[in-house]
N, C-alpha and C. Protein backbone atom coordinates (compact mmCIF):
# COMPACT_ATOMS: atom_id res chain seq x y z
N MET A 1 86.52 110.12 -211.82
CA MET A 1 84.47 109.17 -211.91
C MET A 1 83.74 109.95 -211.16
N SER A 2 82.98 110.66 -210.63
CA SER A 2 81.59 111.16 -210.01
C SER A 2 81.74 109.35 -209.28
N ILE A 3 80.74 109.70 -208.51
CA ILE A 3 80.08 109.15 -207.15
C ILE A 3 78.44 109.84 -207.18
N THR A 4 76.77 109.29 -207.89
CA THR A 4 76.18 109.10 -207.95
C THR A 4 75.73 109.86 -205.94
N SER A 5 74.18 110.35 -206.64
CA SER A 5 73.43 110.49 -205.23
C SER A 5 73.51 109.51 -204.43
N GLU A 6 73.40 108.25 -204.68
CA GLU A 6 72.55 107.49 -204.08
C GLU A 6 73.77 106.35 -204.01
N GLU A 7 74.72 106.60 -204.11
CA GLU A 7 75.63 106.20 -203.90
C GLU A 7 76.73 106.98 -202.24
N ARG A 8 76.15 107.84 -202.50
CA ARG A 8 77.13 108.88 -201.11
C ARG A 8 76.71 108.84 -200.13
N HIS A 9 75.17 108.46 -200.44
CA HIS A 9 74.20 109.00 -199.35
C HIS A 9 74.44 107.65 -198.42
N ALA A 10 75.08 106.68 -200.12
CA ALA A 10 74.68 104.71 -198.98
C ALA A 10 76.24 104.92 -198.37
N GLU A 11 77.40 105.54 -198.41
CA GLU A 11 78.75 105.85 -197.97
C GLU A 11 78.25 106.31 -196.35
N ILE A 12 77.48 107.69 -196.99
CA ILE A 12 77.44 108.27 -195.08
C ILE A 12 77.10 107.55 -194.38
N MET A 13 75.82 107.34 -195.02
CA MET A 13 75.20 105.60 -194.01
C MET A 13 76.17 104.75 -192.94
N ASP A 14 76.62 104.56 -194.36
CA ASP A 14 77.23 103.43 -193.97
C ASP A 14 79.42 103.46 -192.76
N THR A 15 79.11 104.93 -193.59
CA THR A 15 80.40 106.31 -192.03
C THR A 15 79.94 106.00 -190.57
N ALA A 16 78.77 106.49 -190.86
CA ALA A 16 77.71 106.99 -189.81
C ALA A 16 78.01 105.86 -188.97
N ILE A 17 77.10 104.47 -189.55
CA ILE A 17 77.51 103.54 -188.77
C ILE A 17 78.63 103.07 -187.77
N LYS A 18 79.67 103.18 -188.78
CA LYS A 18 80.98 102.93 -188.29
C LYS A 18 81.01 103.25 -187.13
N LEU A 19 80.85 105.09 -187.10
CA LEU A 19 81.18 105.80 -186.05
C LEU A 19 81.20 106.25 -185.08
N PHE A 20 79.31 105.58 -185.19
CA PHE A 20 78.39 106.16 -184.45
C PHE A 20 78.68 104.63 -183.76
N ARG A 21 79.20 103.55 -183.66
CA ARG A 21 79.32 102.24 -182.75
C ARG A 21 81.20 102.01 -182.06
N LYS A 22 81.75 102.94 -182.61
CA LYS A 22 83.64 103.51 -182.77
C LYS A 22 83.40 105.11 -181.68
N LYS A 23 82.05 105.87 -181.78
CA LYS A 23 82.48 106.99 -180.80
C LYS A 23 80.78 107.19 -179.33
N ASN A 24 79.87 106.32 -180.75
CA ASN A 24 78.49 106.41 -179.97
C ASN A 24 77.99 107.60 -180.69
N TYR A 25 76.78 107.70 -180.86
CA TYR A 25 75.75 108.88 -180.89
C TYR A 25 76.06 110.00 -180.23
N HIS A 26 76.32 109.80 -179.77
CA HIS A 26 76.76 111.43 -178.67
C HIS A 26 78.03 112.02 -179.05
N GLY A 27 79.15 110.73 -179.42
CA GLY A 27 79.96 111.29 -179.00
C GLY A 27 80.54 111.30 -180.32
N THR A 28 79.22 111.72 -181.52
CA THR A 28 79.76 111.68 -183.09
C THR A 28 79.11 112.92 -184.41
N SER A 29 79.89 113.78 -184.10
CA SER A 29 80.19 115.04 -185.12
C SER A 29 79.23 114.95 -186.20
N MET A 30 78.18 116.27 -186.51
CA MET A 30 78.33 116.25 -188.31
C MET A 30 79.42 115.71 -188.80
N GLN A 31 80.46 116.45 -188.35
CA GLN A 31 81.67 117.59 -188.49
C GLN A 31 82.44 115.53 -188.89
N ASP A 32 82.46 114.94 -187.75
CA ASP A 32 83.19 114.11 -187.84
C ASP A 32 82.63 112.86 -189.14
N ILE A 33 81.68 113.36 -189.28
CA ILE A 33 80.36 112.06 -190.54
C ILE A 33 81.38 112.47 -192.37
N ALA A 34 81.40 114.16 -192.12
CA ALA A 34 81.82 114.77 -193.39
C ALA A 34 83.15 114.44 -193.81
N GLU A 35 84.09 114.63 -192.53
CA GLU A 35 85.18 114.15 -192.79
C GLU A 35 85.73 113.32 -192.64
N ALA A 36 84.76 112.18 -192.19
CA ALA A 36 84.92 110.70 -192.26
C ALA A 36 84.82 110.58 -194.06
N VAL A 37 83.70 111.24 -194.17
CA VAL A 37 83.44 110.65 -195.97
C VAL A 37 83.95 111.82 -196.81
N GLY A 38 85.14 112.72 -196.79
CA GLY A 38 85.67 113.35 -197.83
C GLY A 38 84.66 114.53 -197.55
N ILE A 39 83.60 115.15 -197.26
CA ILE A 39 83.21 116.50 -197.76
C ILE A 39 82.80 117.20 -196.79
N TYR A 40 82.54 118.36 -197.49
CA TYR A 40 82.53 119.80 -196.52
C TYR A 40 81.41 119.05 -195.79
N ARG A 41 80.79 119.61 -194.38
CA ARG A 41 79.93 119.89 -193.28
C ARG A 41 78.78 119.46 -194.10
N GLY A 42 79.18 121.29 -194.69
CA GLY A 42 77.69 122.28 -195.66
C GLY A 42 76.71 120.54 -197.04
N SER A 43 77.52 120.31 -197.46
CA SER A 43 77.35 119.15 -198.49
C SER A 43 77.03 117.65 -197.50
N LEU A 44 77.11 118.09 -196.16
CA LEU A 44 76.89 116.74 -196.44
C LEU A 44 74.72 116.96 -196.37
N TYR A 45 74.53 117.99 -195.80
CA TYR A 45 73.59 119.08 -195.67
C TYR A 45 72.46 118.28 -197.24
N HIS A 46 73.39 117.79 -197.62
CA HIS A 46 72.60 118.15 -199.78
C HIS A 46 71.76 117.00 -199.16
N TYR A 47 72.61 115.81 -198.49
CA TYR A 47 72.33 114.54 -199.24
C TYR A 47 70.98 113.85 -197.60
N ILE A 48 71.03 115.04 -195.82
CA ILE A 48 70.75 114.49 -194.96
C ILE A 48 69.82 115.39 -194.24
N ASN A 49 69.15 115.69 -193.60
CA ASN A 49 68.55 117.35 -193.04
C ASN A 49 69.68 117.37 -191.48
N SER A 50 69.83 115.99 -190.60
CA SER A 50 70.44 115.98 -188.94
C SER A 50 70.20 114.60 -189.00
N LYS A 51 71.71 114.47 -187.27
CA LYS A 51 72.69 113.50 -187.20
C LYS A 51 70.58 112.58 -186.78
N GLU A 52 70.51 112.76 -186.11
CA GLU A 52 68.58 112.61 -185.74
C GLU A 52 68.41 111.57 -187.44
N GLU A 53 68.43 112.29 -188.25
CA GLU A 53 67.77 111.37 -189.20
C GLU A 53 68.93 110.25 -189.30
N ILE A 54 70.03 110.91 -189.72
CA ILE A 54 70.78 109.35 -189.56
C ILE A 54 70.46 108.16 -189.04
N LEU A 55 70.22 108.54 -187.18
CA LEU A 55 70.43 107.22 -186.72
C LEU A 55 68.96 106.53 -186.97
N TYR A 56 67.85 107.97 -187.60
CA TYR A 56 66.37 106.73 -187.38
C TYR A 56 67.00 106.31 -188.27
N ARG A 57 67.35 106.57 -189.73
CA ARG A 57 67.68 106.13 -190.86
C ARG A 57 67.80 104.51 -190.93
N ILE A 58 69.07 105.27 -189.72
CA ILE A 58 69.88 103.68 -189.68
C ILE A 58 68.97 102.29 -189.30
N VAL A 59 68.16 103.00 -187.30
CA VAL A 59 67.55 102.20 -187.51
C VAL A 59 66.20 101.78 -188.14
N GLU A 60 65.73 102.26 -189.20
CA GLU A 60 64.82 101.81 -189.71
C GLU A 60 63.78 101.13 -190.72
N ARG A 61 65.88 101.23 -191.11
CA ARG A 61 65.30 100.21 -193.21
C ARG A 61 64.93 98.97 -192.52
N PRO A 62 66.51 98.21 -191.21
CA PRO A 62 66.66 97.18 -191.80
C PRO A 62 65.38 96.65 -190.87
N VAL A 63 64.59 97.00 -189.79
CA VAL A 63 63.41 96.88 -189.16
C VAL A 63 62.15 96.54 -190.49
N SER A 64 62.21 97.46 -191.09
CA SER A 64 61.05 97.23 -192.05
C SER A 64 61.13 96.32 -193.28
N LYS A 65 62.61 97.02 -193.32
CA LYS A 65 63.01 95.12 -194.38
C LYS A 65 63.14 94.24 -194.09
N GLY A 66 63.05 93.83 -192.46
CA GLY A 66 63.12 91.78 -192.64
C GLY A 66 61.80 91.69 -192.27
N TYR A 67 61.20 92.61 -191.52
CA TYR A 67 59.20 93.05 -191.66
C TYR A 67 58.79 92.41 -192.10
N GLU A 68 59.22 92.96 -193.56
CA GLU A 68 58.22 92.62 -194.46
C GLU A 68 58.79 90.39 -196.09
N SER A 69 60.24 91.33 -194.91
CA SER A 69 60.85 89.01 -195.12
C SER A 69 60.21 88.07 -194.56
N LEU A 70 60.26 88.15 -192.82
CA LEU A 70 59.66 87.37 -192.46
C LEU A 70 58.04 87.17 -192.19
N ARG A 71 57.58 88.11 -192.68
CA ARG A 71 56.18 88.79 -193.19
C ARG A 71 56.15 87.81 -194.56
N LYS A 72 56.30 87.57 -195.81
CA LYS A 72 56.64 86.45 -196.85
C LYS A 72 56.16 84.66 -195.49
N ILE A 73 57.64 84.60 -195.59
CA ILE A 73 57.66 83.32 -194.13
C ILE A 73 56.55 83.20 -193.25
N GLN A 74 55.75 84.15 -192.41
CA GLN A 74 54.45 83.94 -192.05
C GLN A 74 53.33 83.20 -192.90
N LEU A 75 53.17 84.20 -194.15
CA LEU A 75 52.58 83.94 -194.99
C LEU A 75 51.90 82.76 -196.13
N GLU A 76 54.01 81.80 -196.40
CA GLU A 76 53.56 81.25 -197.07
C GLU A 76 52.72 79.56 -195.88
N GLU A 77 51.36 79.21 -197.24
CA GLU A 77 50.79 77.93 -196.85
C GLU A 77 51.17 77.14 -196.96
N ASN A 78 52.81 76.65 -197.57
CA ASN A 78 53.09 74.60 -198.16
C ASN A 78 54.19 74.72 -196.70
N LEU A 79 54.27 75.53 -195.53
CA LEU A 79 55.13 75.47 -194.56
C LEU A 79 54.67 75.24 -193.33
N PRO A 80 55.14 74.17 -193.12
CA PRO A 80 53.89 74.44 -191.59
C PRO A 80 55.04 75.09 -189.90
N PRO A 81 54.83 75.45 -189.21
CA PRO A 81 54.57 76.14 -188.24
C PRO A 81 56.94 77.02 -187.98
N VAL A 82 56.80 74.71 -188.16
CA VAL A 82 58.14 74.75 -187.38
C VAL A 82 58.81 75.19 -188.32
N GLU A 83 58.55 74.81 -189.96
CA GLU A 83 59.54 75.64 -190.69
C GLU A 83 59.56 76.86 -190.86
N LYS A 84 59.06 77.60 -190.66
CA LYS A 84 58.59 79.49 -190.22
C LYS A 84 59.12 79.14 -189.94
N LEU A 85 59.27 79.02 -188.68
CA LEU A 85 60.19 79.35 -186.88
C LEU A 85 61.01 79.46 -187.67
N ARG A 86 61.21 77.62 -187.41
CA ARG A 86 63.42 77.68 -188.89
C ARG A 86 63.70 78.26 -189.64
N GLN A 87 62.59 79.01 -190.43
CA GLN A 87 63.42 80.08 -191.49
C GLN A 87 63.48 81.46 -190.53
N ALA A 88 62.49 81.51 -190.40
CA ALA A 88 62.53 82.73 -188.96
C ALA A 88 63.65 83.51 -188.01
N MET A 89 64.32 82.38 -187.15
CA MET A 89 64.78 82.52 -187.09
C MET A 89 66.32 82.68 -187.66
N LYS A 90 66.41 81.45 -188.42
CA LYS A 90 67.88 81.65 -189.67
C LYS A 90 67.81 83.02 -190.03
N TYR A 91 67.10 83.66 -190.28
CA TYR A 91 66.03 85.55 -191.09
C TYR A 91 67.41 86.09 -190.16
N HIS A 92 66.19 85.73 -189.10
CA HIS A 92 66.34 86.87 -188.03
C HIS A 92 67.78 86.63 -187.13
N VAL A 93 69.09 85.60 -187.48
CA VAL A 93 69.49 85.79 -186.42
C VAL A 93 71.15 86.08 -187.86
N ARG A 94 70.96 85.67 -188.73
CA ARG A 94 71.24 85.62 -190.12
C ARG A 94 71.58 87.44 -189.88
N TYR A 95 71.19 88.55 -189.76
CA TYR A 95 70.85 89.20 -190.48
C TYR A 95 71.16 89.77 -189.34
N SER A 96 70.99 89.97 -187.80
CA SER A 96 71.57 89.97 -186.60
C SER A 96 73.24 89.95 -186.44
N MET A 97 74.44 88.96 -187.13
CA MET A 97 75.69 88.41 -186.57
C MET A 97 76.37 89.00 -188.23
N GLU A 98 75.56 89.11 -189.69
CA GLU A 98 75.93 89.54 -190.64
C GLU A 98 76.24 91.81 -190.23
N HIS A 99 75.22 92.49 -189.39
CA HIS A 99 74.80 93.27 -189.71
C HIS A 99 74.76 94.04 -188.11
N GLN A 100 76.56 93.84 -187.23
CA GLN A 100 76.27 93.93 -186.19
C GLN A 100 76.23 95.07 -185.64
N ALA A 101 77.05 96.03 -186.27
CA ALA A 101 76.68 97.27 -185.88
C ALA A 101 75.46 97.78 -185.27
N VAL A 102 74.71 97.59 -186.71
CA VAL A 102 73.44 98.03 -187.57
C VAL A 102 72.58 97.65 -186.14
N VAL A 103 72.33 95.92 -185.41
CA VAL A 103 71.82 95.89 -184.37
C VAL A 103 72.14 96.26 -182.93
N ALA A 104 73.59 97.39 -182.92
CA ALA A 104 73.75 97.58 -182.27
C ALA A 104 73.56 98.73 -181.54
N ILE A 105 73.33 99.67 -182.72
CA ILE A 105 72.78 100.95 -182.59
C ILE A 105 71.09 100.92 -182.24
N MET A 106 70.56 99.46 -182.99
CA MET A 106 68.64 99.57 -182.66
C MET A 106 68.41 99.61 -181.37
N LEU A 107 69.70 99.11 -180.35
CA LEU A 107 69.71 98.06 -179.08
C LEU A 107 70.27 99.91 -177.91
N GLU A 108 71.09 100.23 -178.54
CA GLU A 108 71.90 101.09 -177.62
C GLU A 108 71.71 102.53 -177.62
N ASP A 109 70.94 102.58 -178.89
CA ASP A 109 71.12 104.30 -179.70
C ASP A 109 70.39 104.44 -179.72
N THR A 110 68.71 103.67 -179.74
CA THR A 110 67.51 104.53 -180.69
C THR A 110 66.90 105.11 -179.52
N LYS A 111 67.37 105.57 -178.09
CA LYS A 111 66.95 106.54 -176.81
C LYS A 111 67.08 107.64 -177.91
N HIS A 112 67.53 107.80 -178.07
CA HIS A 112 68.38 109.79 -178.70
C HIS A 112 67.73 110.20 -179.51
N LEU A 113 66.50 110.05 -179.96
CA LEU A 113 65.09 109.54 -180.49
C LEU A 113 64.49 110.71 -180.77
N SER A 114 64.23 111.75 -180.80
CA SER A 114 63.20 112.39 -181.00
C SER A 114 61.17 111.36 -179.85
N GLU A 115 60.96 111.57 -179.72
CA GLU A 115 59.74 110.92 -179.09
C GLU A 115 58.92 110.47 -180.90
N GLU A 116 58.96 110.58 -181.27
CA GLU A 116 57.45 110.74 -182.12
C GLU A 116 58.22 109.12 -183.58
N CYS A 117 60.22 109.36 -182.84
CA CYS A 117 61.03 108.67 -183.67
C CYS A 117 60.63 107.66 -183.23
N GLN A 118 60.85 107.10 -181.46
CA GLN A 118 60.94 106.06 -180.56
C GLN A 118 59.86 105.27 -181.29
N LYS A 119 58.39 106.20 -181.87
CA LYS A 119 56.80 105.13 -181.68
C LYS A 119 57.30 105.27 -182.96
N GLN A 120 57.95 105.73 -184.07
CA GLN A 120 57.62 104.61 -185.61
C GLN A 120 58.46 103.69 -184.89
N ILE A 121 59.46 103.48 -184.75
CA ILE A 121 60.23 102.23 -184.26
C ILE A 121 59.65 101.75 -183.08
N ARG A 122 59.00 102.02 -182.35
CA ARG A 122 58.22 100.51 -181.66
C ARG A 122 57.08 100.25 -182.48
N GLU A 123 56.48 101.01 -183.29
CA GLU A 123 55.28 100.15 -183.82
C GLU A 123 55.96 99.53 -184.86
N ALA A 124 57.22 99.66 -185.49
CA ALA A 124 57.93 98.27 -186.85
C ALA A 124 58.69 97.17 -186.21
N GLN A 125 58.88 97.51 -184.39
CA GLN A 125 59.54 96.61 -183.97
C GLN A 125 58.28 95.03 -183.91
N LYS A 126 57.19 95.66 -183.17
CA LYS A 126 56.23 95.22 -182.99
C LYS A 126 55.94 94.43 -183.98
N ARG A 127 55.50 94.60 -185.31
CA ARG A 127 55.37 94.40 -187.05
C ARG A 127 56.44 93.16 -186.10
N TYR A 128 57.81 93.65 -185.97
CA TYR A 128 58.36 92.25 -186.91
C TYR A 128 58.58 91.78 -186.01
N GLU A 129 58.26 91.99 -184.46
CA GLU A 129 57.96 90.20 -183.21
C GLU A 129 57.30 90.05 -183.87
N GLU A 130 55.74 90.35 -183.97
CA GLU A 130 54.43 89.63 -184.69
C GLU A 130 54.30 88.16 -185.43
N THR A 131 54.95 89.32 -185.91
CA THR A 131 55.04 87.87 -186.84
C THR A 131 55.98 86.92 -186.06
N PHE A 132 56.67 86.95 -185.44
CA PHE A 132 57.13 84.94 -185.01
C PHE A 132 56.18 85.35 -183.74
N PHE A 133 55.61 85.91 -183.71
CA PHE A 133 54.17 85.97 -182.68
C PHE A 133 52.52 84.75 -183.23
N ASN A 134 52.48 85.42 -184.16
CA ASN A 134 52.15 84.67 -184.83
C ASN A 134 51.71 83.33 -185.74
N ILE A 135 53.61 83.62 -186.29
CA ILE A 135 53.87 81.43 -186.41
C ILE A 135 53.78 80.96 -185.65
N ILE A 136 54.00 81.55 -184.40
CA ILE A 136 53.93 80.06 -182.52
C ILE A 136 52.49 79.74 -182.60
N LYS A 137 51.69 81.10 -182.65
CA LYS A 137 50.35 80.88 -182.68
C LYS A 137 49.49 79.94 -183.63
N GLU A 138 49.47 79.48 -184.54
CA GLU A 138 49.53 79.36 -185.76
C GLU A 138 49.69 77.59 -185.07
N GLY A 139 51.72 76.99 -184.66
CA GLY A 139 51.82 76.08 -184.28
C GLY A 139 50.88 75.65 -183.55
N ILE A 140 50.43 76.18 -182.20
CA ILE A 140 49.35 76.32 -181.78
C ILE A 140 48.33 75.54 -181.61
N GLN A 141 47.75 76.70 -182.55
CA GLN A 141 46.31 75.84 -183.27
C GLN A 141 46.41 75.08 -183.86
N LYS A 142 47.07 74.64 -185.13
CA LYS A 142 47.84 73.63 -185.24
C LYS A 142 47.91 72.51 -185.02
N GLY A 143 47.96 72.00 -183.44
CA GLY A 143 48.86 71.11 -182.51
C GLY A 143 50.65 70.55 -182.24
N ASP A 144 50.54 71.88 -183.21
CA ASP A 144 52.36 71.30 -183.46
C ASP A 144 52.86 71.69 -182.17
N PHE A 145 53.31 72.63 -181.54
CA PHE A 145 53.57 73.31 -180.80
C PHE A 145 52.76 73.09 -179.20
N LYS A 146 53.15 73.50 -178.34
CA LYS A 146 52.52 73.04 -177.12
C LYS A 146 51.75 74.18 -176.43
N ASN A 147 49.96 74.51 -176.40
CA ASN A 147 49.79 75.72 -175.57
C ASN A 147 50.58 76.58 -175.08
N LEU A 148 51.06 77.16 -175.51
CA LEU A 148 52.03 77.94 -174.21
C LEU A 148 51.78 79.57 -174.49
N ASP A 149 51.49 80.06 -174.00
CA ASP A 149 52.15 82.31 -174.09
C ASP A 149 52.91 82.34 -176.23
N PRO A 150 52.37 82.55 -176.82
CA PRO A 150 53.11 82.94 -177.16
C PRO A 150 54.11 84.26 -177.58
N GLN A 151 53.44 85.00 -176.29
CA GLN A 151 53.35 86.56 -176.05
C GLN A 151 55.06 86.18 -175.90
N ILE A 152 55.07 85.37 -174.13
CA ILE A 152 55.91 84.46 -173.69
C ILE A 152 57.55 84.17 -174.88
N VAL A 153 56.97 83.17 -175.31
CA VAL A 153 58.07 82.49 -176.10
C VAL A 153 58.37 84.11 -176.97
N THR A 154 57.72 84.10 -177.15
CA THR A 154 58.30 85.19 -179.01
C THR A 154 59.67 86.42 -177.57
N PHE A 155 58.98 86.72 -176.49
CA PHE A 155 59.92 86.85 -175.45
C PHE A 155 61.24 86.83 -175.33
N ALA A 156 61.34 85.14 -175.34
CA ALA A 156 62.06 84.41 -175.70
C ALA A 156 63.46 85.03 -175.97
N ILE A 157 62.67 84.46 -177.41
CA ILE A 157 63.16 84.35 -178.78
C ILE A 157 63.50 85.60 -178.79
N PHE A 158 63.89 86.84 -178.31
CA PHE A 158 64.21 88.33 -178.55
C PHE A 158 65.21 87.91 -177.10
N GLY A 159 65.11 87.82 -176.16
CA GLY A 159 65.68 87.14 -175.19
C GLY A 159 67.56 87.08 -175.62
N MET A 160 66.97 85.89 -175.96
CA MET A 160 67.89 84.63 -176.85
C MET A 160 68.94 86.19 -177.49
N THR A 161 68.46 86.12 -179.04
CA THR A 161 68.93 86.60 -179.83
C THR A 161 69.51 88.67 -180.03
N ASN A 162 68.83 88.73 -179.01
CA ASN A 162 68.65 90.03 -179.57
C ASN A 162 70.56 91.08 -178.55
N TRP A 163 71.27 89.82 -177.46
CA TRP A 163 72.32 90.66 -177.11
C TRP A 163 73.74 90.09 -177.79
N MET A 164 73.19 88.48 -179.57
CA MET A 164 74.00 88.25 -179.66
C MET A 164 75.41 89.00 -180.21
N TYR A 165 74.91 90.56 -180.77
CA TYR A 165 76.44 91.41 -181.16
C TYR A 165 77.59 91.52 -180.54
N ARG A 166 76.76 90.94 -179.24
CA ARG A 166 77.70 91.51 -177.56
C ARG A 166 78.93 90.20 -177.58
N TRP A 167 78.54 89.08 -178.74
CA TRP A 167 79.68 87.69 -177.84
C TRP A 167 79.90 86.86 -179.13
N PHE A 168 79.11 87.34 -180.38
CA PHE A 168 79.23 86.02 -181.96
C PHE A 168 79.74 86.84 -182.37
N ASP A 169 81.37 85.85 -182.62
CA ASP A 169 81.95 86.22 -183.89
C ASP A 169 82.12 85.46 -184.54
N VAL A 170 82.49 85.90 -185.86
CA VAL A 170 81.73 85.95 -187.11
C VAL A 170 82.93 85.08 -187.70
N ASP A 171 83.96 85.29 -186.78
CA ASP A 171 85.26 84.36 -187.30
C ASP A 171 85.27 82.92 -186.35
N GLY A 172 84.21 82.68 -185.86
CA GLY A 172 84.22 81.53 -184.65
C GLY A 172 84.00 80.31 -185.15
N LYS A 173 83.69 79.22 -184.23
CA LYS A 173 83.21 77.74 -185.22
C LYS A 173 82.29 77.56 -184.71
N LEU A 174 80.80 79.22 -184.70
CA LEU A 174 80.07 78.15 -185.49
C LEU A 174 78.87 79.84 -186.59
N SER A 175 79.04 79.49 -187.37
CA SER A 175 78.24 80.34 -188.36
C SER A 175 76.65 80.83 -187.91
N SER A 176 76.42 82.06 -188.81
CA SER A 176 75.04 82.53 -187.34
C SER A 176 73.67 81.06 -187.60
N ASP A 177 74.40 80.46 -189.19
CA ASP A 177 72.35 79.64 -189.87
C ASP A 177 73.36 78.64 -188.17
N GLU A 178 74.16 77.52 -188.19
CA GLU A 178 74.18 76.61 -186.70
C GLU A 178 73.89 77.42 -185.46
N VAL A 179 74.45 78.90 -185.41
CA VAL A 179 74.16 79.03 -183.97
C VAL A 179 71.77 79.66 -183.93
N ALA A 180 71.86 80.11 -185.48
CA ALA A 180 70.12 79.66 -185.47
C ALA A 180 69.43 78.04 -185.38
N GLU A 181 69.73 77.36 -185.39
CA GLU A 181 69.83 75.60 -185.28
C GLU A 181 69.65 75.54 -184.27
N LEU A 182 70.69 76.12 -183.39
CA LEU A 182 71.13 75.90 -181.47
C LEU A 182 69.85 76.48 -180.89
N PHE A 183 69.92 78.01 -181.05
CA PHE A 183 68.99 78.29 -180.81
C PHE A 183 67.55 78.38 -180.81
N LEU A 184 66.85 77.07 -182.32
CA LEU A 184 65.83 76.91 -182.21
C LEU A 184 65.48 75.85 -181.64
N ASP A 185 66.49 75.06 -182.10
CA ASP A 185 66.39 73.41 -180.68
C ASP A 185 66.73 73.55 -179.23
N MET A 186 66.86 74.85 -178.48
CA MET A 186 66.41 75.07 -177.53
C MET A 186 64.91 75.32 -177.37
N ILE A 187 64.71 76.42 -178.13
CA ILE A 187 63.07 76.91 -177.86
C ILE A 187 61.90 75.25 -178.50
N LEU A 188 62.42 74.61 -179.46
CA LEU A 188 62.04 73.81 -179.94
C LEU A 188 61.04 72.77 -178.72
N ASN A 189 62.36 72.53 -178.41
CA ASN A 189 62.46 71.47 -177.10
C ASN A 189 61.35 71.53 -176.12
N GLY A 190 61.62 73.10 -175.87
CA GLY A 190 60.07 72.98 -174.65
C GLY A 190 59.22 73.44 -175.91
N LEU A 191 58.61 73.47 -177.18
CA LEU A 191 57.89 73.65 -177.63
C LEU A 191 56.78 73.54 -178.14
N LEU A 192 57.93 72.29 -179.33
CA LEU A 192 57.15 70.94 -179.42
C LEU A 192 56.31 69.95 -178.62
N VAL A 193 55.31 69.42 -178.96
CA VAL A 193 54.50 68.88 -178.69
C VAL A 193 54.48 66.53 -179.18
N GLU A 194 55.19 65.98 -177.95
CA GLU A 194 55.21 65.55 -178.22
C GLU A 194 54.82 63.66 -178.88
């Protein structure tokens, strides 16, 4: 049974994620990826142009997809800001925990991209973070949240969540949703108007 081009591409990306986490970006060669996939190195270039392209795709896809998901939550007119923030936190934490290797690569290896690729990733990350900023700003404008600087609150949220991949245990006593609720409680205790 032959494998489709899309399936092979996905296999290459999944393999690269595992190798980048195990050996880091610089410690992984295109030969390593090809061998792990079970193809010749030359065949690898049929699916991908460079190791940098692999890294860029690993990082860019979840940020863009995440932005689309968070934007839908942000624009949901029937949800109060507290519920929007709850759903956004759950989405963010759940993704971070289900894709710990991707998050680690995003936070640790993006520096290895070209300046242009780094700029594109920073712009995508900014859009992603702005969804939280806008939800918090909406809550302040509606009188649901205290009049705190929404940028600082957004930074606090990402400061709490960005490094979870280092300590969160998927088999631990708390699920990703429970951790998201715990974080949300901490944020809301400082944010909600009493």
